[in-house]
């Protein structure tokens, strides 16, 4: 296995240097472009990936509801092969805030968003690239646009996210199902049940009610609500279950030993 990975890496490096790298003389730029080339190569279409990132030094990246809504707006607006007009150009001097996505706008999607959850200092996605380099392009547009908005709003400078986004390949249907409830249940659940990862839930009914009212994830759309239907593609995950009630029952039946089933695709 190690030999195979090494062979693929060196083959790609040789191919890259004979093509794109041949045109670039600056070694630092060449290394950066090679890393980008390799990432796009391995984030292949018709595959599914757990995507994660958090604020630099674990800092909060959503300070109020307007920030969450702006990020969700970007998830819709920038999931498009076509050029997106910079947000501040569209506002034409209006105050910074949330603009409802134009769901009638014709978009050429670059990724399918199967699942997401936004937390105060990080986020999780399950993404499927629809074009070559789709995930990298989407994340570049999404995080670049949001970081510019955040820095302008809060009068700060510098990076907002803790390095490049993390991506892990989802290999099986079982991993997909268990990862979806990890993203939907354990992440927001920790906000009111700090020991949920240890399997300790002090108020199960309170947790269930909290999750039904947590606006910053795709969970409500899967259990029969209509939260952000224009953002996500439900066909894949919903196809594993008989209906919204079945999805909800599975999601809430998390057990502590379920971590073993997705341990190699967790990245936080």
C-alpha atoms as a PDB file:
ATOM      1  CA  UNK A   1       0.000   0.000   0.000  1.00  0.00           C
ATOM      2  CA  UNK A   2       2.790   2.432   0.937  1.00  0.00           C
ATOM      3  CA  UNK A   3       4.586   1.547  -2.308  1.00  0.00           C
ATOM      4  CA  UNK A   4       1.411   2.263  -4.319  1.00  0.00           C
ATOM      5  CA  UNK A   5       0.879   5.661  -2.679  1.00  0.00           C
ATOM      6  CA  UNK A   6       4.544   6.538  -3.214  1.00  0.00           C
ATOM      7  CA  UNK A   7       4.337   5.487  -6.875  1.00  0.00           C
ATOM      8  CA  UNK A   8       1.203   7.603  -7.466  1.00  0.00           C
ATOM      9  CA  UNK A   9       2.763  10.604  -5.744  1.00  0.00           C
ATOM     10  CA  UNK A  10       6.003  10.476  -7.766  1.00  0.00           C
ATOM     11  CA  UNK A  11       4.142   9.830 -11.006  1.00  0.00           C
ATOM     12  CA  UNK A  12       1.941  12.883 -10.373  1.00  0.00           C
ATOM     13  CA  UNK A  13       4.947  14.990  -9.421  1.00  0.00           C
ATOM     14  CA  UNK A  14       6.729  14.036 -12.647  1.00  0.00           C
ATOM     15  CA  UNK A  15       3.597  14.687 -14.710  1.00  0.00           C
ATOM     16  CA  UNK A  16       3.057  18.038 -12.985  1.00  0.00           C
ATOM     17  CA  UNK A  17       6.638  19.202 -13.558  1.00  0.00           C
ATOM     18  CA  UNK A  18       6.429  18.264 -17.207  1.00  0.00           C
ATOM     19  CA  UNK A  19       3.242  20.293 -17.670  1.00  0.00           C
ATOM     20  CA  UNK A  20       2.125  23.072 -15.289  1.00  0.00           C
ATOM     21  CA  UNK A  21       5.344  23.145 -13.253  1.00  0.00           C
ATOM     22  CA  UNK A  22       7.446  23.608 -16.387  1.00  0.00           C
ATOM     23  CA  UNK A  23       5.855  27.042 -16.868  1.00  0.00           C
ATOM     24  CA  UNK A  24       6.536  28.244 -13.291  1.00  0.00           C
ATOM     25  CA  UNK A  25      10.028  29.331 -12.240  1.00  0.00           C
ATOM     26  CA  UNK A  26       9.355  30.445  -8.632  1.00  0.00           C
ATOM     27  CA  UNK A  27       9.884  27.384  -6.413  1.00  0.00           C
ATOM     28  CA  UNK A  28       7.476  28.514  -3.657  1.00  0.00           C
ATOM     29  CA  UNK A  29       4.717  29.147  -6.188  1.00  0.00           C
ATOM     30  CA  UNK A  30       5.523  25.800  -7.801  1.00  0.00           C
ATOM     31  CA  UNK A  31       5.116  23.947  -4.465  1.00  0.00           C
ATOM     32  CA  UNK A  32       1.830  25.746  -3.745  1.00  0.00           C
ATOM     33  CA  UNK A  33       0.439  24.874  -7.181  1.00  0.00           C
ATOM     34  CA  UNK A  34       1.569  21.257  -6.838  1.00  0.00           C
ATOM     35  CA  UNK A  35      -0.248  20.898  -3.493  1.00  0.00           C
ATOM     36  CA  UNK A  36      -3.368  22.359  -5.105  1.00  0.00           C
ATOM     37  CA  UNK A  37      -2.936  20.024  -8.086  1.00  0.00           C
ATOM     38  CA  UNK A  38      -2.684  16.952  -5.806  1.00  0.00           C
ATOM     39  CA  UNK A  39      -5.666  17.969  -3.676  1.00  0.00           C
ATOM     40  CA  UNK A  40      -7.857  18.420  -6.757  1.00  0.00           C
ATOM     41  CA  UNK A  41      -6.665  15.067  -8.080  1.00  0.00           C
ATOM     42  CA  UNK A  42      -7.699  13.128  -4.982  1.00  0.00           C
ATOM     43  CA  UNK A  43     -10.994  14.985  -4.332  1.00  0.00           C
ATOM     44  CA  UNK A  44     -12.531  13.127  -7.249  1.00  0.00           C
ATOM     45  CA  UNK A  45     -16.019  13.461  -8.696  1.00  0.00           C
ATOM     46  CA  UNK A  46     -18.627  10.795  -7.843  1.00  0.00           C
ATOM     47  CA  UNK A  47     -17.093  10.440  -4.370  1.00  0.00           C
ATOM     48  CA  UNK A  48     -18.154  11.822  -0.999  1.00  0.00           C
ATOM     49  CA  UNK A  49     -16.026  13.748   1.502  1.00  0.00           C
ATOM     50  CA  UNK A  50     -16.261  14.924   5.083  1.00  0.00           C
ATOM     51  CA  UNK A  51     -15.140  18.569   4.996  1.00  0.00           C
ATOM     52  CA  UNK A  52     -14.182  20.492   8.121  1.00  0.00           C
ATOM     53  CA  UNK A  53     -12.548  23.722   9.200  1.00  0.00           C
ATOM     54  CA  UNK A  54     -12.493  25.959  12.250  1.00  0.00           C
ATOM     55  CA  UNK A  55     -11.427  29.413  13.309  1.00  0.00           C
ATOM     56  CA  UNK A  56      -7.741  30.196  13.774  1.00  0.00           C
ATOM     57  CA  UNK A  57      -6.712  29.470  17.388  1.00  0.00           C
ATOM     58  CA  UNK A  58     -10.208  27.946  17.741  1.00  0.00           C
ATOM     59  CA  UNK A  59     -11.679  31.450  17.679  1.00  0.00           C
ATOM     60  CA  UNK A  60     -15.390  32.074  17.148  1.00  0.00           C
ATOM     61  CA  UNK A  61     -16.251  32.593  13.478  1.00  0.00           C
ATOM     62  CA  UNK A  62     -19.976  33.316  13.911  1.00  0.00           C
ATOM     63  CA  UNK A  63     -20.627  36.173  16.329  1.00  0.00           C
ATOM     64  CA  UNK A  64     -24.360  36.638  15.727  1.00  0.00           C
ATOM     65  CA  UNK A  65     -27.253  35.311  13.647  1.00  0.00           C
ATOM     66  CA  UNK A  66     -26.399  37.640  10.757  1.00  0.00           C
ATOM     67  CA  UNK A  67     -23.009  35.915  10.450  1.00  0.00           C
ATOM     68  CA  UNK A  68     -24.573  32.454  10.246  1.00  0.00           C
ATOM     69  CA  UNK A  69     -27.042  33.695   7.653  1.00  0.00           C
ATOM     70  CA  UNK A  70     -24.296  35.347   5.626  1.00  0.00           C
ATOM     71  CA  UNK A  71     -22.308  32.089   5.562  1.00  0.00           C
ATOM     72  CA  UNK A  72     -25.426  30.176   4.441  1.00  0.00           C
ATOM     73  CA  UNK A  73     -25.999  32.788   1.755  1.00  0.00           C
ATOM     74  CA  UNK A  74     -22.440  32.225   0.535  1.00  0.00           C
ATOM     75  CA  UNK A  75     -22.993  28.454   0.480  1.00  0.00           C
ATOM     76  CA  UNK A  76     -25.801  29.041  -2.009  1.00  0.00           C
ATOM     77  CA  UNK A  77     -24.338  31.930  -3.988  1.00  0.00           C
ATOM     78  CA  UNK A  78     -20.854  30.483  -4.492  1.00  0.00           C
ATOM     79  CA  UNK A  79     -21.978  26.976  -5.423  1.00  0.00           C
ATOM     80  CA  UNK A  80     -21.910  28.019  -9.042  1.00  0.00           C
ATOM     81  CA  UNK A  81     -19.404  27.700 -11.890  1.00  0.00           C
ATOM     82  CA  UNK A  82     -20.402  31.160 -13.053  1.00  0.00           C
ATOM     83  CA  UNK A  83     -18.883  34.373 -11.734  1.00  0.00           C
ATOM     84  CA  UNK A  84     -20.428  35.730  -8.522  1.00  0.00           C
ATOM     85  CA  UNK A  85     -20.401  39.503  -8.087  1.00  0.00           C
ATOM     86  CA  UNK A  86     -18.559  40.500  -4.891  1.00  0.00           C
ATOM     87  CA  UNK A  87     -21.033  40.970  -2.061  1.00  0.00           C
ATOM     88  CA  UNK A  88     -20.101  44.573  -1.282  1.00  0.00           C
ATOM     89  CA  UNK A  89     -20.499  45.516  -4.954  1.00  0.00           C
ATOM     90  CA  UNK A  90     -24.033  44.134  -4.879  1.00  0.00           C
ATOM     91  CA  UNK A  91     -24.941  46.028  -1.727  1.00  0.00           C
ATOM     92  CA  UNK A  92     -24.004  49.408  -3.249  1.00  0.00           C
ATOM     93  CA  UNK A  93     -23.463  51.099   0.107  1.00  0.00           C
ATOM     94  CA  UNK A  94     -26.127  49.262   2.106  1.00  0.00           C
ATOM     95  CA  UNK A  95     -25.284  48.037   5.606  1.00  0.00           C
ATOM     96  CA  UNK A  96     -23.649  44.649   5.928  1.00  0.00           C
ATOM     97  CA  UNK A  97     -26.280  42.017   6.462  1.00  0.00           C
ATOM     98  CA  UNK A  98     -28.023  39.000   5.034  1.00  0.00           C
ATOM     99  CA  UNK A  99     -29.559  38.939   1.573  1.00  0.00           C
ATOM    100  CA  UNK A 100     -32.000  36.103   0.849  1.00  0.00           C
ATOM    101  CA  UNK A 101     -30.564  33.868  -1.892  1.00  0.00           C
ATOM    102  CA  UNK A 102     -32.329  34.178  -5.211  1.00  0.00           C
ATOM    103  CA  UNK A 103     -33.522  30.581  -5.546  1.00  0.00           C
ATOM    104  CA  UNK A 104     -34.766  31.302  -9.085  1.00  0.00           C
ATOM    105  CA  UNK A 105     -31.216  32.084 -10.230  1.00  0.00           C
ATOM    106  CA  UNK A 106     -29.886  29.514 -12.669  1.00  0.00           C
ATOM    107  CA  UNK A 107     -26.743  27.981 -11.258  1.00  0.00           C
ATOM    108  CA  UNK A 108     -24.231  25.451 -12.574  1.00  0.00           C
ATOM    109  CA  UNK A 109     -23.470  23.603  -9.358  1.00  0.00           C
ATOM    110  CA  UNK A 110     -19.879  22.678  -8.576  1.00  0.00           C
ATOM    111  CA  UNK A 111     -20.685  20.490  -5.539  1.00  0.00           C
ATOM    112  CA  UNK A 112     -23.642  18.715  -4.003  1.00  0.00           C
ATOM    113  CA  UNK A 113     -24.113  19.611  -0.332  1.00  0.00           C
ATOM    114  CA  UNK A 114     -25.564  16.496   1.304  1.00  0.00           C
ATOM    115  CA  UNK A 115     -25.284  17.565   4.926  1.00  0.00           C
ATOM    116  CA  UNK A 116     -23.946  20.469   6.981  1.00  0.00           C
ATOM    117  CA  UNK A 117     -23.740  21.915  10.462  1.00  0.00           C
ATOM    118  CA  UNK A 118     -22.409  25.329  11.478  1.00  0.00           C
ATOM    119  CA  UNK A 119     -21.051  25.710  15.009  1.00  0.00           C
ATOM    120  CA  UNK A 120     -19.778  28.855  16.771  1.00  0.00           C
ATOM    121  CA  UNK A 121     -16.119  28.167  15.900  1.00  0.00           C
ATOM    122  CA  UNK A 122     -16.219  25.493  13.181  1.00  0.00           C
ATOM    123  CA  UNK A 123     -18.328  23.763  10.537  1.00  0.00           C
ATOM    124  CA  UNK A 124     -18.866  20.329   8.977  1.00  0.00           C
ATOM    125  CA  UNK A 125     -20.033  19.415   5.463  1.00  0.00           C
ATOM    126  CA  UNK A 126     -20.595  16.253   3.482  1.00  0.00           C
ATOM    127  CA  UNK A 127     -19.788  17.248  -0.095  1.00  0.00           C
ATOM    128  CA  UNK A 128     -19.717  15.573  -3.496  1.00  0.00           C
ATOM    129  CA  UNK A 129     -17.757  17.365  -6.237  1.00  0.00           C
ATOM    130  CA  UNK A 130     -19.592  17.657  -9.564  1.00  0.00           C
ATOM    131  CA  UNK A 131     -16.643  18.989 -11.558  1.00  0.00           C
ATOM    132  CA  UNK A 132     -12.907  18.415 -11.368  1.00  0.00           C
ATOM    133  CA  UNK A 133     -11.565  20.501  -8.504  1.00  0.00           C
ATOM    134  CA  UNK A 134     -15.121  21.341  -7.457  1.00  0.00           C
ATOM    135  CA  UNK A 135     -14.620  21.081  -3.689  1.00  0.00           C
ATOM    136  CA  UNK A 136     -11.447  23.189  -3.726  1.00  0.00           C
ATOM    137  CA  UNK A 137     -13.129  25.832  -5.902  1.00  0.00           C
ATOM    138  CA  UNK A 138     -16.241  25.919  -3.723  1.00  0.00           C
ATOM    139  CA  UNK A 139     -14.283  26.182  -0.471  1.00  0.00           C
ATOM    140  CA  UNK A 140     -11.984  28.862  -1.893  1.00  0.00           C
ATOM    141  CA  UNK A 141     -14.964  31.005  -2.903  1.00  0.00           C
ATOM    142  CA  UNK A 142     -16.934  30.302   0.274  1.00  0.00           C
ATOM    143  CA  UNK A 143     -14.186  30.903   2.831  1.00  0.00           C
ATOM    144  CA  UNK A 144     -12.556  33.740   0.920  1.00  0.00           C
ATOM    145  CA  UNK A 145     -15.836  35.614   0.628  1.00  0.00           C
ATOM    146  CA  UNK A 146     -16.856  35.006   4.222  1.00  0.00           C
ATOM    147  CA  UNK A 147     -13.449  35.975   5.618  1.00  0.00           C
ATOM    148  CA  UNK A 148     -13.550  39.295   3.743  1.00  0.00           C
ATOM    149  CA  UNK A 149     -17.050  39.978   5.071  1.00  0.00           C
ATOM    150  CA  UNK A 150     -16.056  39.032   8.645  1.00  0.00           C
ATOM    151  CA  UNK A 151     -12.895  41.141   8.675  1.00  0.00           C
ATOM    152  CA  UNK A 152     -14.714  44.156   7.276  1.00  0.00           C
ATOM    153  CA  UNK A 153     -17.620  43.851   9.710  1.00  0.00           C
ATOM    154  CA  UNK A 154     -15.450  43.396  12.798  1.00  0.00           C
ATOM    155  CA  UNK A 155     -12.619  45.692  11.696  1.00  0.00           C
ATOM    156  CA  UNK A 156      -9.930  43.037  11.841  1.00  0.00           C
ATOM    157  CA  UNK A 157      -7.269  41.749   9.460  1.00  0.00           C
ATOM    158  CA  UNK A 158      -5.492  38.482   8.839  1.00  0.00           C
ATOM    159  CA  UNK A 159      -6.627  34.909   8.412  1.00  0.00           C
ATOM    160  CA  UNK A 160      -9.897  33.747   9.922  1.00  0.00           C
ATOM    161  CA  UNK A 161      -9.647  29.991   9.383  1.00  0.00           C
ATOM    162  CA  UNK A 162      -7.079  27.604  10.823  1.00  0.00           C
ATOM    163  CA  UNK A 163      -5.245  26.712   7.641  1.00  0.00           C
ATOM    164  CA  UNK A 164      -6.661  24.866   4.622  1.00  0.00           C
ATOM    165  CA  UNK A 165      -9.902  22.956   5.012  1.00  0.00           C
ATOM    166  CA  UNK A 166      -9.646  19.271   6.008  1.00  0.00           C
ATOM    167  CA  UNK A 167     -11.119  16.586   3.757  1.00  0.00           C
ATOM    168  CA  UNK A 168     -11.588  12.838   4.342  1.00  0.00           C
ATOM    169  CA  UNK A 169     -12.971  10.337   1.849  1.00  0.00           C
ATOM    170  CA  UNK A 170     -16.158   8.527   2.951  1.00  0.00           C
ATOM    171  CA  UNK A 171     -15.754   4.908   1.923  1.00  0.00           C
ATOM    172  CA  UNK A 172     -18.996   3.110   2.819  1.00  0.00           C
ATOM    173  CA  UNK A 173     -22.739   3.625   3.192  1.00  0.00           C
ATOM    174  CA  UNK A 174     -22.439   2.837   6.897  1.00  0.00           C
ATOM    175  CA  UNK A 175     -19.851   5.592   7.333  1.00  0.00           C
ATOM    176  CA  UNK A 176     -22.115   8.015   5.494  1.00  0.00           C
ATOM    177  CA  UNK A 177     -25.088   7.245   7.734  1.00  0.00           C
ATOM    178  CA  UNK A 178     -23.170   7.389  11.028  1.00  0.00           C
ATOM    179  CA  UNK A 179     -21.277  10.515   9.991  1.00  0.00           C
ATOM    180  CA  UNK A 180     -24.542  12.315   9.194  1.00  0.00           C
ATOM    181  CA  UNK A 181     -25.821  11.830  12.738  1.00  0.00           C
ATOM    182  CA  UNK A 182     -22.452  12.730  14.214  1.00  0.00           C
ATOM    183  CA  UNK A 183     -22.663  16.035  12.305  1.00  0.00           C
ATOM    184  CA  UNK A 184     -26.366  16.649  12.999  1.00  0.00           C
ATOM    185  CA  UNK A 185     -26.624  15.430  16.606  1.00  0.00           C
ATOM    186  CA  UNK A 186     -23.303  15.407  18.475  1.00  0.00           C
ATOM    187  CA  UNK A 187     -22.019  18.756  17.277  1.00  0.00           C
ATOM    188  CA  UNK A 188     -24.966  21.006  18.176  1.00  0.00           C
ATOM    189  CA  UNK A 189     -25.907  18.660  21.023  1.00  0.00           C
ATOM    190  CA  UNK A 190     -22.656  19.528  22.804  1.00  0.00           C
ATOM    191  CA  UNK A 191     -23.907  23.092  23.251  1.00  0.00           C
ATOM    192  CA  UNK A 192     -26.441  21.947  25.862  1.00  0.00           C
ATOM    193  CA  UNK A 193     -25.155  18.458  26.753  1.00  0.00           C
ATOM    194  CA  UNK A 194     -21.376  18.855  27.258  1.00  0.00           C
ATOM    195  CA  UNK A 195     -20.898  15.116  27.998  1.00  0.00           C
ATOM    196  CA  UNK A 196     -22.777  13.818  24.979  1.00  0.00           C
ATOM    197  CA  UNK A 197     -19.574  12.458  23.421  1.00  0.00           C
ATOM    198  CA  UNK A 198     -19.126  10.286  26.523  1.00  0.00           C
ATOM    199  CA  UNK A 199     -22.653   8.967  26.075  1.00  0.00           C
ATOM    200  CA  UNK A 200     -24.074  11.006  28.976  1.00  0.00           C
ATOM    201  CA  UNK A 201     -27.290  12.897  28.200  1.00  0.00           C
ATOM    202  CA  UNK A 202     -28.965  14.443  31.210  1.00  0.00           C
ATOM    203  CA  UNK A 203     -32.125  15.621  29.466  1.00  0.00           C
ATOM    204  CA  UNK A 204     -32.975  13.553  26.339  1.00  0.00           C
ATOM    205  CA  UNK A 205     -36.278  15.318  25.642  1.00  0.00           C
ATOM    206  CA  UNK A 206     -34.613  18.718  26.075  1.00  0.00           C
ATOM    207  CA  UNK A 207     -31.878  17.690  23.637  1.00  0.00           C
ATOM    208  CA  UNK A 208     -34.436  16.530  21.077  1.00  0.00           C
ATOM    209  CA  UNK A 209     -36.302  19.822  21.320  1.00  0.00           C
ATOM    210  CA  UNK A 210     -33.061  21.815  21.066  1.00  0.00           C
ATOM    211  CA  UNK A 211     -32.039  19.980  17.885  1.00  0.00           C
ATOM    212  CA  UNK A 212     -35.429  20.639  16.288  1.00  0.00           C
ATOM    213  CA  UNK A 213     -34.892  24.346  16.911  1.00  0.00           C
ATOM    214  CA  UNK A 214     -31.219  24.527  15.910  1.00  0.00           C
ATOM    215  CA  UNK A 215     -31.356  26.558  12.704  1.00  0.00           C
ATOM    216  CA  UNK A 216     -27.766  26.215  11.543  1.00  0.00           C
ATOM    217  CA  UNK A 217     -27.753  22.675  10.145  1.00  0.00           C
ATOM    218  CA  UNK A 218     -29.528  20.538   7.547  1.00  0.00           C
ATOM    219  CA  UNK A 219     -31.112  18.306  10.230  1.00  0.00           C
ATOM    220  CA  UNK A 220     -34.554  19.963  10.086  1.00  0.00           C
ATOM    221  CA  UNK A 221     -34.760  19.434   6.327  1.00  0.00           C
ATOM    222  CA  UNK A 222     -34.240  15.697   6.830  1.00  0.00           C
ATOM    223  CA  UNK A 223     -36.839  15.251   9.594  1.00  0.00           C
ATOM    224  CA  UNK A 224     -39.712  16.849   7.705  1.00  0.00           C
ATOM    225  CA  UNK A 225     -39.070  20.565   8.124  1.00  0.00           C
ATOM    226  CA  UNK A 226     -38.112  23.146   5.511  1.00  0.00           C
ATOM    227  CA  UNK A 227     -35.062  24.982   6.768  1.00  0.00           C
ATOM    228  CA  UNK A 228     -32.680  25.454   3.812  1.00  0.00           C
ATOM    229  CA  UNK A 229     -34.098  23.230   1.036  1.00  0.00           C
ATOM    230  CA  UNK A 230     -32.350  25.199  -1.728  1.00  0.00           C
ATOM    231  CA  UNK A 231     -28.927  24.508  -0.188  1.00  0.00           C
ATOM    232  CA  UNK A 232     -28.868  20.736   0.108  1.00  0.00           C
ATOM    233  CA  UNK A 233     -29.442  17.632  -1.974  1.00  0.00           C
ATOM    234  CA  UNK A 234     -31.336  15.136   0.197  1.00  0.00           C
ATOM    235  CA  UNK A 235     -31.568  12.254  -2.270  1.00  0.00           C
ATOM    236  CA  UNK A 236     -28.518  10.335  -1.059  1.00  0.00           C
ATOM    237  CA  UNK A 237     -29.017  10.401   2.722  1.00  0.00           C
ATOM    238  CA  UNK A 238     -32.814  10.255   2.611  1.00  0.00           C
ATOM    239  CA  UNK A 239     -32.512   7.174   0.399  1.00  0.00           C
ATOM    240  CA  UNK A 240     -31.143   5.154   3.316  1.00  0.00           C
ATOM    241  CA  UNK A 241     -34.366   5.597   5.307  1.00  0.00           C
ATOM    242  CA  UNK A 242     -38.091   4.968   4.866  1.00  0.00           C
ATOM    243  CA  UNK A 243     -38.958   8.584   5.678  1.00  0.00           C
ATOM    244  CA  UNK A 244     -38.268  11.583   7.940  1.00  0.00           C
ATOM    245  CA  UNK A 245     -39.384   9.761  11.114  1.00  0.00           C
ATOM    246  CA  UNK A 246     -37.040   6.871  10.376  1.00  0.00           C
ATOM    247  CA  UNK A 247     -34.170   9.325   9.795  1.00  0.00           C
ATOM    248  CA  UNK A 248     -34.920  11.098  13.082  1.00  0.00           C
ATOM    249  CA  UNK A 249     -35.133   7.820  15.014  1.00  0.00           C
ATOM    250  CA  UNK A 250     -31.775   6.656  13.634  1.00  0.00           C
ATOM    251  CA  UNK A 251     -30.133  10.029  14.303  1.00  0.00           C
ATOM    252  CA  UNK A 252     -31.258  10.134  17.929  1.00  0.00           C
ATOM    253  CA  UNK A 253     -30.206   6.540  18.629  1.00  0.00           C
ATOM    254  CA  UNK A 254     -26.493   7.430  18.758  1.00  0.00           C
ATOM    255  CA  UNK A 255     -24.453   5.222  21.073  1.00  0.00           C
ATOM    256  CA  UNK A 256     -20.979   5.975  22.338  1.00  0.00           C
ATOM    257  CA  UNK A 257     -19.434   2.951  20.601  1.00  0.00           C
ATOM    258  CA  UNK A 258     -20.665   4.311  17.240  1.00  0.00           C
ATOM    259  CA  UNK A 259     -17.485   6.399  17.232  1.00  0.00           C
ATOM    260  CA  UNK A 260     -15.621   3.218  16.212  1.00  0.00           C
ATOM    261  CA  UNK A 261     -17.586   3.109  12.971  1.00  0.00           C
ATOM    262  CA  UNK A 262     -16.430   6.531  11.813  1.00  0.00           C
ATOM    263  CA  UNK A 263     -13.207   7.024  13.763  1.00  0.00           C
ATOM    264  CA  UNK A 264     -11.052   7.183  10.603  1.00  0.00           C
ATOM    265  CA  UNK A 265     -13.158   9.918   8.989  1.00  0.00           C
ATOM    266  CA  UNK A 266     -13.426  12.262  11.981  1.00  0.00           C
ATOM    267  CA  UNK A 267     -11.149  15.280  11.666  1.00  0.00           C
ATOM    268  CA  UNK A 268     -11.909  17.532  14.609  1.00  0.00           C
END
